[in-house]
C-alpha atoms as a PDB file:
ATOM      1  CA  UNK A   1       3.418  -0.134 -15.446  1.00  0.00           C
ATOM      2  CA  UNK A   2       1.595   0.611 -12.196  1.00  0.00           C
ATOM      3  CA  UNK A   3       2.441   0.181  -8.535  1.00  0.00           C
ATOM      4  CA  UNK A   4       0.523  -2.213  -6.283  1.00  0.00           C
ATOM      5  CA  UNK A   5      -0.892   0.108  -3.579  1.00  0.00           C
ATOM      6  CA  UNK A   6      -0.455  -2.569  -0.888  1.00  0.00           C
ATOM      7  CA  UNK A   7       3.098  -3.853  -1.346  1.00  0.00           C
ATOM      8  CA  UNK A   8       4.604  -1.334  -3.772  1.00  0.00           C
ATOM      9  CA  UNK A   9       5.556  -3.896  -6.439  1.00  0.00           C
ATOM     10  CA  UNK A  10       5.353  -2.946 -10.106  1.00  0.00           C
ATOM     11  CA  UNK A  11       2.389  -4.556 -11.891  1.00  0.00           C
ATOM     12  CA  UNK A  12       1.071  -4.315 -15.422  1.00  0.00           C
ATOM     13  CA  UNK A  13      -2.397  -3.066 -16.281  1.00  0.00           C
ATOM     14  CA  UNK A  14      -3.320  -6.533 -17.555  1.00  0.00           C
ATOM     15  CA  UNK A  15      -2.969  -8.062 -14.063  1.00  0.00           C
ATOM     16  CA  UNK A  16      -5.903 -10.342 -13.268  1.00  0.00           C
ATOM     17  CA  UNK A  17      -6.050  -8.876  -9.747  1.00  0.00           C
ATOM     18  CA  UNK A  18      -7.714  -5.465  -9.776  1.00  0.00           C
ATOM     19  CA  UNK A  19     -10.577  -3.455  -8.360  1.00  0.00           C
ATOM     20  CA  UNK A  20     -12.089   0.000  -8.660  1.00  0.00           C
ATOM     21  CA  UNK A  21     -12.204   2.366  -5.702  1.00  0.00           C
ATOM     22  CA  UNK A  22     -13.305   6.004  -5.629  1.00  0.00           C
ATOM     23  CA  UNK A  23     -13.454   6.112  -9.429  1.00  0.00           C
ATOM     24  CA  UNK A  24      -9.940   4.756  -9.980  1.00  0.00           C
ATOM     25  CA  UNK A  25      -8.817   1.261 -10.983  1.00  0.00           C
ATOM     26  CA  UNK A  26      -6.104  -0.306  -8.824  1.00  0.00           C
ATOM     27  CA  UNK A  27      -4.020  -3.300  -9.948  1.00  0.00           C
ATOM     28  CA  UNK A  28      -2.350  -5.809  -7.624  1.00  0.00           C
ATOM     29  CA  UNK A  29       0.482  -8.327  -7.840  1.00  0.00           C
ATOM     30  CA  UNK A  30      -1.512 -11.067  -6.117  1.00  0.00           C
ATOM     31  CA  UNK A  31      -4.874 -12.046  -4.711  1.00  0.00           C
ATOM     32  CA  UNK A  32      -3.448 -11.550  -1.214  1.00  0.00           C
ATOM     33  CA  UNK A  33      -2.711  -7.855  -1.859  1.00  0.00           C
ATOM     34  CA  UNK A  34      -6.130  -7.412  -3.450  1.00  0.00           C
ATOM     35  CA  UNK A  35      -7.820  -8.885  -0.336  1.00  0.00           C
ATOM     36  CA  UNK A  36      -5.819  -6.591   1.979  1.00  0.00           C
ATOM     37  CA  UNK A  37      -6.853  -3.593  -0.103  1.00  0.00           C
ATOM     38  CA  UNK A  38     -10.537  -4.610  -0.145  1.00  0.00           C
ATOM     39  CA  UNK A  39     -10.502  -4.980   3.645  1.00  0.00           C
ATOM     40  CA  UNK A  40      -9.359  -1.361   4.162  1.00  0.00           C
ATOM     41  CA  UNK A  41      -8.970   0.564   0.889  1.00  0.00           C
ATOM     42  CA  UNK A  42      -8.796   3.990   2.499  1.00  0.00           C
ATOM     43  CA  UNK A  43      -5.683   2.895   4.423  1.00  0.00           C
ATOM     44  CA  UNK A  44      -3.784   2.325   1.174  1.00  0.00           C
ATOM     45  CA  UNK A  45      -5.216   5.189  -0.849  1.00  0.00           C
ATOM     46  CA  UNK A  46      -4.677   7.593   2.035  1.00  0.00           C
ATOM     47  CA  UNK A  47      -1.052   6.465   2.238  1.00  0.00           C
ATOM     48  CA  UNK A  48      -0.453   8.120  -1.123  1.00  0.00           C
ATOM     49  CA  UNK A  49      -1.893  11.522  -0.267  1.00  0.00           C
ATOM     50  CA  UNK A  50      -2.372  12.184   3.447  1.00  0.00           C
ATOM     51  CA  UNK A  51       0.044  12.826   6.250  1.00  0.00           C
ATOM     52  CA  UNK A  52      -0.328  11.735   9.847  1.00  0.00           C
ATOM     53  CA  UNK A  53       1.408  11.984  13.206  1.00  0.00           C
ATOM     54  CA  UNK A  54       0.936   8.228  13.668  1.00  0.00           C
ATOM     55  CA  UNK A  55       4.036   5.999  13.519  1.00  0.00           C
ATOM     56  CA  UNK A  56       4.287   3.784  10.429  1.00  0.00           C
ATOM     57  CA  UNK A  57       6.541   0.771   9.786  1.00  0.00           C
ATOM     58  CA  UNK A  58       7.455  -1.564   6.938  1.00  0.00           C
ATOM     59  CA  UNK A  59       5.949  -5.076   7.039  1.00  0.00           C
ATOM     60  CA  UNK A  60       9.237  -6.497   5.702  1.00  0.00           C
ATOM     61  CA  UNK A  61      11.632  -4.243   7.633  1.00  0.00           C
ATOM     62  CA  UNK A  62      10.135  -3.566  11.098  1.00  0.00           C
ATOM     63  CA  UNK A  63      13.159  -1.491  12.076  1.00  0.00           C
ATOM     64  CA  UNK A  64      12.018   1.160   9.572  1.00  0.00           C
ATOM     65  CA  UNK A  65       9.725   3.609  11.374  1.00  0.00           C
ATOM     66  CA  UNK A  66       8.583   7.108  10.566  1.00  0.00           C
ATOM     67  CA  UNK A  67       5.874   9.585  11.413  1.00  0.00           C
ATOM     68  CA  UNK A  68       3.104   9.372   8.817  1.00  0.00           C
ATOM     69  CA  UNK A  69       2.659   7.133   5.789  1.00  0.00           C
ATOM     70  CA  UNK A  70       5.151   6.648   3.021  1.00  0.00           C
ATOM     71  CA  UNK A  71       7.342   4.009   1.411  1.00  0.00           C
ATOM     72  CA  UNK A  72      10.099   1.879   2.894  1.00  0.00           C
ATOM     73  CA  UNK A  73      13.515   3.215   1.865  1.00  0.00           C
ATOM     74  CA  UNK A  74      14.835  -0.370   1.730  1.00  0.00           C
ATOM     75  CA  UNK A  75      12.211  -2.173  -0.379  1.00  0.00           C
ATOM     76  CA  UNK A  76       9.672   0.411  -1.538  1.00  0.00           C
ATOM     77  CA  UNK A  77       6.631  -1.195   0.128  1.00  0.00           C
ATOM     78  CA  UNK A  78       4.028   1.116   1.588  1.00  0.00           C
ATOM     79  CA  UNK A  79       4.458   1.567   5.318  1.00  0.00           C
ATOM     80  CA  UNK A  80       1.632   0.417   7.578  1.00  0.00           C
ATOM     81  CA  UNK A  81       0.453   1.948  10.869  1.00  0.00           C
ATOM     82  CA  UNK A  82       2.378   0.553  13.819  1.00  0.00           C
ATOM     83  CA  UNK A  83      -0.850   0.229  15.821  1.00  0.00           C
ATOM     84  CA  UNK A  84      -3.521  -2.048  14.410  1.00  0.00           C
END
């Protein structure tokens, strides 16, 4: 089982929604998450490894805010930058 890098949902390796980026294959729960990833892959890959002073928030729980990327403590989705 893998984690969708966009929304944080668990997905299986046989998901029909996947792509390769920087030598690694990423699997997605839906075509929508795949499209978001393809539009800005470094935003989602960087969320796993880099830190930042920028404020991040959860798309599903906007009250959740923290400095730098991470996962929402309520639902597990990856946090997105507060500023577009």
